[in-house]
Amino acid sequence: MTEEFLHFLWNTHRFDLRDLKTTDNKSVIIKKFGVLNTNAGPDFLDARVIIDGTLWAGNIEFHILSSDWYKHKHNLDRAYDNVILHIVLEENEKVYRDNVHPIPCVEVKRRVPRNIQLKYVDLLTQTKWIPCEKMLPQVPELTKTMWLQKVLVERIEEKTTLLKEVLHQNQNDWEKSFYIYLARHFGVKINQEPFETLARITPLHIIQKHSANLFELEAILFGQAGFLEEPFNAEYPLSLQKEYRFLKVKYGLQAMEKSNWKFFRLRPVAFPTLRIAQFAAFLHQDARPFSTLISQNSIFELEKYFKVETSTYWHQHYNFEKEGKQLPKHSGGTMIHRLIINAAVPALFLYGKWKGKDELKEVAFDLLEQIPGEENKIIRTWNKLGLKADTSADSQALIHLKTRYCDPQRCLECSLGTSLLR
């Protein structure tokens, strides 16, 4: 039994409230259950309760044991001075306000519906991929649809968290901030931090000054990334090295350590060297990406925008002085869609919210609806359970549901879980 379960029962009016009495035998009539508080302070706010014929207005606090009041130090917190009712699974100690006035207490261990309690225990003790796996078909389709729409918004909001931080650091300069945010997503997961660092230590105004020259952009980015510090034999990396040494002095640049970059267990197409070459090609195409982004409104335009081809050296290399198969290295469809999903969509959504432009937020959701559902282990398992991901809006919602609700067993905060308990 958890406090969250007691909150759920109270919020959904599932307790047996007939002939309700306090532990000192005073009658209790609930006139208003209050509003669940998701912030600090008492659990339910603005309740109305008649105790022994007197109407009380205030807050309600829940605990498993009444002594948790002192364990949680509520007696030292003035925010709890207006608690009018203490609801506990079991009273093991009298609780007093100001150490003088007893707080009315209701014990509910015999008022929890047995069938709901058994379902809840069953959910929490499941060892399946998700707690409600065997009961999922019982959830109404409308409930699933509405909940997935809600968690999709949650996921996009979560993805904007870093962008908000970067904006704050850059005095709300959207161009500089999106440049850093986008750079992060050019790296696969294990190289996102180094990519973000690369953008942070390489000012956008320097990139913009040299954006017309791809060779100079590569020299700056590879130099700043720490890849031009070793001896070379081939002409191209030697030329990049020479150019970077000049620009480093000119702008007072400081390179990061090459050891920050990870190659282990990556396919060559995901090597950070190739991704940096693609990033350079992208900035050569457009060194003011945010201004361009907010002018795009179709998936076709964005796919074309993010599709760039590297300089010819990288057509036959995945790393410096290590030749590979002769092939033009351009950003593929999967990479493009990841950039749109993880960088473009959150930026459009946040900017729309920032400026009060709902049409930009709608564009963000429309883009997700136009991209096919992602392919990964989580989505394949959801498909087997009957929840299909036809679009990236579906797959993003299902990923969020699994990682933010199912894995931490937040069943009581999930509409699928509460639907089953009801």
Protein backbone atom coordinates (compact mmCIF):
# COMPACT_ATOMS: atom_id res chain seq x y z
CA MET A 1 0.00 0.00 0.00
CA THR A 2 1.27 3.48 -0.86
CA GLU A 3 0.14 7.03 -0.19
CA GLU A 4 -0.30 7.47 -3.94
CA PHE A 5 -2.86 4.65 -3.89
CA LEU A 6 -4.75 6.39 -1.08
CA HIS A 7 -4.69 9.61 -3.13
CA PHE A 8 -6.12 7.74 -6.12
CA LEU A 9 -8.94 6.21 -4.04
CA TRP A 10 -9.82 9.58 -2.53
CA ASN A 11 -9.60 11.46 -5.84
CA THR A 12 -11.87 8.92 -7.53
CA HIS A 13 -14.21 8.61 -4.52
CA ARG A 14 -13.51 4.89 -4.14
CA PHE A 15 -13.39 4.65 -0.34
CA ASP A 16 -16.38 3.30 1.51
CA LEU A 17 -17.55 6.52 3.15
CA ARG A 18 -20.69 5.20 4.83
CA ASP A 19 -20.99 6.02 8.53
CA LEU A 20 -17.59 7.69 8.45
CA LYS A 21 -16.07 8.53 11.83
CA THR A 22 -12.83 9.85 13.26
CA THR A 23 -10.73 7.60 15.48
CA ASP A 24 -12.26 9.35 18.51
CA ASN A 25 -15.77 8.51 17.24
CA LYS A 26 -16.87 11.86 15.78
CA SER A 27 -19.08 11.75 12.68
CA VAL A 28 -17.54 12.89 9.40
CA ILE A 29 -19.39 14.01 6.27
CA ILE A 30 -17.39 14.90 3.15
CA LYS A 31 -18.92 17.87 1.36
CA LYS A 32 -15.98 18.59 -0.95
CA PHE A 33 -13.06 16.21 -1.51
CA GLY A 34 -10.60 18.95 -2.41
CA VAL A 35 -8.11 19.22 -5.26
CA LEU A 36 -5.07 16.95 -5.52
CA ASN A 37 -1.93 18.99 -4.89
CA THR A 38 1.02 18.02 -7.10
CA ASN A 39 3.34 20.57 -5.48
CA ALA A 40 4.75 20.91 -1.97
CA GLY A 41 2.26 21.07 0.89
CA PRO A 42 -0.82 19.09 1.96
CA ASP A 43 -2.12 16.38 -0.37
CA PHE A 44 -5.60 17.82 -1.08
CA LEU A 45 -6.42 21.52 -1.01
CA ASP A 46 -9.64 23.45 -0.51
CA ALA A 47 -11.73 20.65 1.01
CA ARG A 48 -14.99 20.98 2.96
CA VAL A 49 -15.74 18.55 5.79
CA ILE A 50 -18.44 18.44 8.45
CA ILE A 51 -16.98 16.99 11.68
CA ASP A 52 -19.38 16.39 14.55
CA GLY A 53 -21.84 18.89 13.06
CA THR A 54 -19.30 21.67 12.39
CA LEU A 55 -18.29 22.65 8.85
CA TRP A 56 -14.52 22.93 8.31
CA ALA A 57 -12.76 24.37 5.27
CA GLY A 58 -9.12 23.60 4.61
CA ASN A 59 -6.72 20.89 3.50
CA ILE A 60 -6.46 17.12 3.88
CA GLU A 61 -3.27 15.13 4.45
CA PHE A 62 -2.76 11.38 3.81
CA HIS A 63 -0.31 8.94 5.37
CA ILE A 64 0.08 5.19 5.70
CA LEU A 65 0.78 5.54 9.43
CA SER A 66 -0.31 8.58 11.41
CA SER A 67 3.20 8.88 12.88
CA ASP A 68 4.44 9.76 9.36
CA TRP A 69 3.19 13.26 10.17
CA TYR A 70 6.18 13.66 12.48
CA LYS A 71 8.48 11.55 10.33
CA HIS A 72 7.89 13.97 7.44
CA LYS A 73 8.29 16.94 9.83
CA HIS A 74 4.88 18.42 9.01
CA ASN A 75 4.70 19.63 12.61
CA LEU A 76 7.52 22.06 11.77
CA ASP A 77 5.99 23.31 8.51
CA ARG A 78 3.46 26.17 8.65
CA ALA A 79 2.05 25.04 5.30
CA TYR A 80 0.28 22.24 7.22
CA ASP A 81 -1.38 24.49 9.79
CA ASN A 82 -4.63 24.45 7.83
CA VAL A 83 -5.00 20.66 7.69
CA ILE A 84 -8.54 19.89 8.85
CA LEU A 85 -8.47 16.12 8.39
CA HIS A 86 -5.74 13.47 8.61
CA ILE A 87 -6.58 10.31 6.63
CA VAL A 88 -4.39 7.28 7.38
CA LEU A 89 -4.35 3.60 6.71
CA GLU A 90 -3.67 3.06 10.38
CA GLU A 91 -3.44 5.37 13.37
CA ASN A 92 -0.45 4.36 15.49
CA GLU A 93 0.04 7.73 17.20
CA LYS A 94 -2.08 10.76 17.99
CA VAL A 95 -1.13 13.82 15.95
CA TYR A 96 -1.41 17.36 17.28
CA ARG A 97 -1.36 20.77 15.67
CA ASP A 98 1.00 23.11 17.59
CA ASN A 99 1.54 20.13 19.91
CA VAL A 100 -1.75 21.11 21.57
CA HIS A 101 -4.78 20.65 19.33
CA PRO A 102 -5.49 17.12 18.02
CA ILE A 103 -6.01 16.84 14.26
CA PRO A 104 -9.14 14.82 13.43
CA CYS A 105 -8.05 11.46 12.05
CA VAL A 106 -9.91 8.92 9.91
CA GLU A 107 -8.56 5.37 9.60
CA VAL A 108 -9.36 3.73 6.24
CA LYS A 109 -7.73 0.29 6.32
CA ARG A 110 -11.18 -1.37 6.35
CA ARG A 111 -12.63 1.01 3.79
CA VAL A 112 -10.43 0.14 0.78
CA PRO A 113 -12.42 -1.81 -1.86
CA ARG A 114 -10.96 -5.32 -1.94
CA ASN A 115 -11.19 -5.75 -5.72
CA ILE A 116 -9.35 -2.48 -6.43
CA GLN A 117 -6.68 -3.29 -3.86
CA LEU A 118 -6.06 -6.70 -5.46
CA LYS A 119 -5.78 -5.15 -8.93
CA TYR A 120 -3.36 -2.54 -7.63
CA VAL A 121 -1.18 -5.15 -5.92
CA ASP A 122 -1.29 -7.20 -9.10
CA LEU A 123 -0.03 -4.22 -11.12
CA LEU A 124 2.83 -3.47 -8.74
CA THR A 125 4.01 -7.07 -8.51
CA GLN A 126 4.01 -7.81 -12.23
CA THR A 127 7.30 -8.89 -13.79
CA LYS A 128 5.99 -8.38 -17.31
CA TRP A 129 7.40 -5.82 -19.78
CA ILE A 130 4.76 -3.36 -18.54
CA PRO A 131 2.69 -3.84 -15.35
CA CYS A 132 -0.68 -3.92 -17.13
CA GLU A 133 0.47 -6.16 -19.99
CA LYS A 134 -2.08 -8.93 -19.47
CA MET A 135 -4.92 -6.45 -18.76
CA LEU A 136 -4.13 -3.93 -21.54
CA PRO A 137 -6.85 -5.25 -23.92
CA GLN A 138 -9.44 -4.25 -21.28
CA VAL A 139 -8.58 -0.54 -21.63
CA PRO A 140 -11.07 1.29 -23.92
CA GLU A 141 -9.56 2.44 -27.22
CA LEU A 142 -10.67 6.03 -26.61
CA THR A 143 -8.81 6.04 -23.28
CA LYS A 144 -5.65 4.83 -25.01
CA THR A 145 -5.94 7.45 -27.76
CA MET A 146 -6.57 10.35 -25.38
CA TRP A 147 -3.76 9.32 -23.03
CA LEU A 148 -1.20 8.90 -25.81
CA GLN A 149 -2.05 12.40 -27.05
CA LYS A 150 -1.39 13.75 -23.57
CA VAL A 151 1.93 11.94 -23.07
CA LEU A 152 3.07 13.11 -26.52
CA VAL A 153 2.72 16.71 -25.34
CA GLU A 154 4.60 15.75 -22.15
CA ARG A 155 7.42 14.29 -24.22
CA ILE A 156 7.79 17.39 -26.39
CA GLU A 157 7.69 19.60 -23.29
CA GLU A 158 10.43 17.44 -21.76
CA LYS A 159 12.56 17.77 -24.90
CA THR A 160 12.37 21.57 -24.62
CA THR A 161 13.96 21.59 -21.14
CA LEU A 162 17.54 21.75 -22.40
CA LEU A 163 16.65 24.36 -25.02
CA LYS A 164 15.13 26.54 -22.29
CA GLU A 165 18.38 26.29 -20.31
CA VAL A 166 20.48 27.19 -23.35
CA LEU A 167 18.19 30.13 -24.13
CA HIS A 168 18.62 31.41 -20.59
CA GLN A 169 22.40 31.14 -20.88
CA ASN A 170 22.30 33.05 -24.19
CA GLN A 171 19.97 35.85 -23.05
CA ASN A 172 17.14 34.39 -25.14
CA ASP A 173 19.09 34.53 -28.40
CA TRP A 174 17.22 31.89 -30.40
CA GLU A 175 19.76 31.68 -33.23
CA LYS A 176 22.72 30.95 -30.93
CA SER A 177 20.68 28.62 -28.76
CA PHE A 178 19.26 26.55 -31.61
CA TYR A 179 22.76 26.23 -33.10
CA ILE A 180 23.91 24.57 -29.84
CA TYR A 181 20.74 22.51 -29.49
CA LEU A 182 20.91 21.30 -33.08
CA ALA A 183 24.61 20.44 -32.78
CA ARG A 184 23.81 18.18 -29.84
CA HIS A 185 21.44 16.15 -31.99
CA PHE A 186 23.93 15.68 -34.80
CA GLY A 187 25.63 13.23 -32.48
CA VAL A 188 24.26 9.79 -31.73
CA LYS A 189 23.39 9.36 -28.06
CA ILE A 190 26.91 8.73 -26.76
CA ASN A 191 28.31 11.75 -28.63
CA GLN A 192 25.59 14.28 -27.84
CA GLU A 193 27.54 15.86 -24.97
CA PRO A 194 30.75 16.32 -27.03
CA PHE A 195 28.73 17.81 -29.91
CA GLU A 196 27.06 20.27 -27.55
CA THR A 197 30.47 21.18 -26.10
CA LEU A 198 31.85 21.69 -29.62
CA ALA A 199 29.09 24.19 -30.42
CA ARG A 200 29.47 25.98 -27.08
CA ILE A 201 33.24 26.55 -27.55
CA THR A 202 32.84 27.54 -31.22
CA PRO A 203 30.89 30.83 -31.31
CA LEU A 204 28.20 31.07 -33.96
CA HIS A 205 29.45 34.45 -35.19
CA ILE A 206 32.76 32.81 -36.18
CA ILE A 207 30.87 30.05 -38.01
CA GLN A 208 28.81 32.68 -39.83
CA LYS A 209 31.93 34.60 -40.93
CA HIS A 210 33.30 31.46 -42.61
CA SER A 211 30.05 29.79 -43.68
CA ALA A 212 30.68 30.48 -47.38
CA ASN A 213 33.83 28.32 -47.31
CA LEU A 214 33.29 24.65 -46.44
CA PHE A 215 37.01 23.98 -46.10
CA GLU A 216 37.36 26.71 -43.47
CA LEU A 217 34.28 25.44 -41.62
CA GLU A 218 35.75 21.95 -41.48
CA ALA A 219 39.06 23.35 -40.25
CA ILE A 220 37.29 25.23 -37.44
CA LEU A 221 35.02 22.39 -36.36
CA PHE A 222 37.52 19.54 -36.62
CA GLY A 223 40.15 21.70 -34.95
CA GLN A 224 37.84 22.66 -32.10
CA ALA A 225 36.82 19.02 -31.73
CA GLY A 226 40.45 18.07 -31.12
CA PHE A 227 40.92 16.00 -34.29
CA LEU A 228 43.69 18.16 -35.79
CA GLU A 229 46.26 17.85 -33.01
CA GLU A 230 48.05 14.74 -34.30
CA PRO A 231 50.65 14.34 -37.11
CA PHE A 232 49.21 13.62 -40.57
CA ASN A 233 50.66 12.41 -43.87
CA ALA A 234 47.81 13.08 -46.28
CA GLU A 235 47.42 16.48 -47.91
CA TYR A 236 43.82 17.25 -46.91
CA PRO A 237 44.12 16.82 -43.12
CA LEU A 238 47.48 18.64 -43.24
CA SER A 239 45.77 21.56 -44.98
CA LEU A 240 42.95 21.57 -42.40
CA GLN A 241 45.52 21.51 -39.62
CA LYS A 242 47.41 24.48 -41.08
CA GLU A 243 44.20 26.48 -41.56
CA TYR A 244 42.99 25.74 -38.03
CA ARG A 245 46.27 26.82 -36.44
CA PHE A 246 45.90 30.18 -38.17
CA LEU A 247 42.23 30.61 -37.20
CA LYS A 248 42.88 29.41 -33.65
CA VAL A 249 45.33 32.25 -33.10
CA LYS A 250 43.17 34.76 -34.94
CA TYR A 251 40.08 34.11 -32.77
CA GLY A 252 41.75 32.92 -29.57
CA LEU A 253 40.07 29.52 -29.82
CA GLN A 254 40.65 26.63 -27.43
CA ALA A 255 40.13 23.05 -28.66
CA MET A 256 38.47 20.29 -26.67
CA GLU A 257 40.14 16.95 -26.03
CA LYS A 258 39.78 14.37 -28.80
CA SER A 259 39.28 11.72 -26.11
CA ASN A 260 35.77 13.13 -25.46
CA TRP A 261 34.55 11.51 -28.68
CA LYS A 262 33.35 7.92 -28.74
CA PHE A 263 33.80 5.50 -31.67
CA PHE A 264 33.41 2.18 -29.88
CA ARG A 265 30.56 0.00 -31.15
CA LEU A 266 29.39 2.67 -33.59
CA ARG A 267 28.75 1.92 -37.23
CA PRO A 268 31.08 3.97 -39.47
CA VAL A 269 28.16 6.09 -40.71
CA ALA A 270 27.67 7.25 -37.11
CA PHE A 271 31.35 8.07 -36.45
CA PRO A 272 31.68 11.55 -34.92
CA THR A 273 34.17 12.52 -37.64
CA LEU A 274 31.57 11.92 -40.34
CA ARG A 275 28.86 13.66 -38.30
CA ILE A 276 31.11 16.71 -37.83
CA ALA A 277 31.69 16.77 -41.62
CA GLN A 278 27.91 16.67 -42.10
CA PHE A 279 27.42 19.44 -39.54
CA ALA A 280 29.98 21.57 -41.36
CA ALA A 281 28.14 20.94 -44.65
CA PHE A 282 24.85 21.89 -43.03
CA LEU A 283 26.26 25.19 -41.66
CA HIS A 284 27.85 25.86 -45.06
CA GLN A 285 24.35 25.61 -46.51
CA ASP A 286 22.80 27.81 -43.80
CA ALA A 287 24.53 29.42 -40.81
CA ARG A 288 21.27 30.86 -39.47
CA PRO A 289 19.28 27.65 -39.07
CA PHE A 290 16.66 28.89 -36.62
CA SER A 291 15.50 31.70 -38.90
CA THR A 292 15.10 29.14 -41.68
CA LEU A 293 13.40 26.60 -39.43
CA ILE A 294 10.51 28.85 -38.41
CA SER A 295 9.83 29.64 -42.07
CA GLN A 296 9.39 25.95 -42.97
CA ASN A 297 5.95 24.37 -42.67
CA SER A 298 6.10 21.01 -44.42
CA ILE A 299 7.94 17.77 -43.91
CA PHE A 300 9.09 17.86 -47.54
CA GLU A 301 10.81 21.23 -47.05
CA LEU A 302 12.51 20.12 -43.83
CA GLU A 303 13.68 16.80 -45.26
CA LYS A 304 15.23 18.65 -48.17
CA TYR A 305 16.72 21.25 -45.80
CA PHE A 306 18.45 18.71 -43.56
CA LYS A 307 19.74 16.57 -46.43
CA VAL A 308 23.34 17.68 -46.94
CA GLU A 309 26.39 16.11 -48.55
CA THR A 310 29.89 16.26 -47.11
CA SER A 311 33.02 17.50 -48.85
CA THR A 312 34.58 15.02 -51.29
CA TYR A 313 37.30 13.92 -48.84
CA TRP A 314 34.61 12.25 -46.71
CA HIS A 315 33.19 10.38 -49.70
CA GLN A 316 35.97 7.84 -49.20
CA HIS A 317 36.77 8.30 -45.50
CA TYR A 318 35.04 7.75 -42.19
CA ASN A 319 38.05 8.95 -40.23
CA PHE A 320 41.22 10.87 -41.05
CA GLU A 321 43.70 8.93 -43.20
CA LYS A 322 41.59 5.76 -43.09
CA GLU A 323 39.98 5.12 -46.44
CA GLY A 324 36.64 3.41 -46.76
CA LYS A 325 34.21 2.56 -49.51
CA GLN A 326 33.92 5.28 -52.17
CA LEU A 327 30.45 6.69 -51.58
CA PRO A 328 28.95 10.20 -51.24
CA LYS A 329 28.30 10.77 -47.53
CA HIS A 330 25.02 12.59 -47.12
CA SER A 331 22.63 12.66 -44.21
CA GLY A 332 20.27 9.71 -44.58
CA GLY A 333 16.53 9.57 -44.04
CA THR A 334 16.76 8.10 -40.55
CA MET A 335 19.21 10.78 -39.41
CA ILE A 336 17.10 13.54 -40.98
CA HIS A 337 13.98 12.33 -39.24
CA ARG A 338 15.82 12.15 -35.91
CA LEU A 339 16.94 15.76 -36.33
CA ILE A 340 13.38 16.83 -37.08
CA ILE A 341 11.88 14.83 -34.19
CA ASN A 342 14.48 15.71 -31.56
CA ALA A 343 15.57 19.23 -32.54
CA ALA A 344 13.20 20.91 -35.00
CA VAL A 345 9.89 19.84 -33.44
CA PRO A 346 10.75 20.85 -29.83
CA ALA A 347 12.19 24.18 -31.05
CA LEU A 348 9.09 25.00 -33.10
CA PHE A 349 6.82 23.98 -30.22
CA LEU A 350 8.72 26.06 -27.66
CA TYR A 351 8.98 29.09 -29.94
CA GLY A 352 5.25 28.89 -30.67
CA LYS A 353 4.56 28.73 -26.95
CA TRP A 354 7.06 31.55 -26.28
CA LYS A 355 5.50 33.86 -28.87
CA GLY A 356 1.90 32.77 -28.34
CA LYS A 357 1.74 31.42 -31.89
CA ASP A 358 -0.42 28.31 -31.76
CA GLU A 359 0.08 27.76 -35.49
CA LEU A 360 3.77 26.94 -34.88
CA LYS A 361 2.85 24.43 -32.18
CA GLU A 362 0.42 22.85 -34.64
CA VAL A 363 3.18 22.66 -37.27
CA ALA A 364 5.33 20.79 -34.73
CA PHE A 365 2.63 18.16 -34.16
CA ASP A 366 1.83 17.95 -37.88
CA LEU A 367 5.49 17.17 -38.64
CA LEU A 368 5.41 14.24 -36.23
CA GLU A 369 2.24 12.97 -37.89
CA GLN A 370 3.97 13.05 -41.30
CA ILE A 371 7.06 11.05 -40.25
CA PRO A 372 6.73 7.25 -40.16
CA GLY A 373 6.88 5.59 -36.75
CA GLU A 374 10.35 4.87 -35.42
CA GLU A 375 11.80 1.38 -35.37
CA ASN A 376 13.30 0.20 -32.09
CA LYS A 377 12.88 -2.48 -29.43
CA ILE A 378 10.33 -0.49 -27.42
CA ILE A 379 8.10 0.14 -30.43
CA ARG A 380 8.34 -3.46 -31.65
CA THR A 381 7.17 -4.69 -28.24
CA TRP A 382 4.28 -2.22 -28.12
CA ASN A 383 3.25 -3.43 -31.58
CA LYS A 384 3.09 -7.00 -30.26
CA LEU A 385 0.84 -5.77 -27.44
CA GLY A 386 -1.54 -4.19 -29.94
CA LEU A 387 -0.47 -0.54 -29.78
CA LYS A 388 0.76 0.37 -33.24
CA ALA A 389 3.10 3.24 -34.11
CA ASP A 390 2.16 4.32 -37.62
CA THR A 391 3.68 7.79 -37.19
CA SER A 392 6.49 9.30 -35.13
CA ALA A 393 3.78 11.00 -33.03
CA ASP A 394 2.68 7.49 -32.05
CA SER A 395 6.20 6.18 -31.44
CA GLN A 396 7.27 9.22 -29.41
CA ALA A 397 4.18 8.87 -27.21
CA LEU A 398 4.75 5.15 -26.70
CA ILE A 399 8.44 5.66 -25.84
CA HIS A 400 7.44 8.25 -23.25
CA LEU A 401 4.72 6.00 -21.84
CA LYS A 402 7.16 3.12 -21.41
CA THR A 403 10.11 5.08 -19.98
CA ARG A 404 8.27 7.64 -17.84
CA TYR A 405 5.24 5.69 -16.62
CA CYS A 406 5.56 1.93 -17.08
CA ASP A 407 9.19 1.45 -16.03
CA PRO A 408 8.87 3.49 -12.80
CA GLN A 409 5.41 1.91 -12.20
CA ARG A 410 3.53 5.21 -12.15
CA CYS A 411 0.29 3.31 -12.83
CA LEU A 412 -1.78 5.60 -10.63
CA GLU A 413 -0.74 8.61 -12.74
CA CYS A 414 -1.47 6.81 -16.01
CA SER A 415 -4.93 6.80 -17.56
CA LEU A 416 -4.46 3.20 -18.68
CA GLY A 417 -3.70 2.08 -15.13
CA THR A 418 -6.47 4.08 -13.50
CA SER A 419 -8.92 2.87 -16.13
CA LEU A 420 -8.16 -0.71 -15.14
CA LEU A 421 -8.46 0.07 -11.42
CA ARG A 422 -11.81 1.76 -11.93
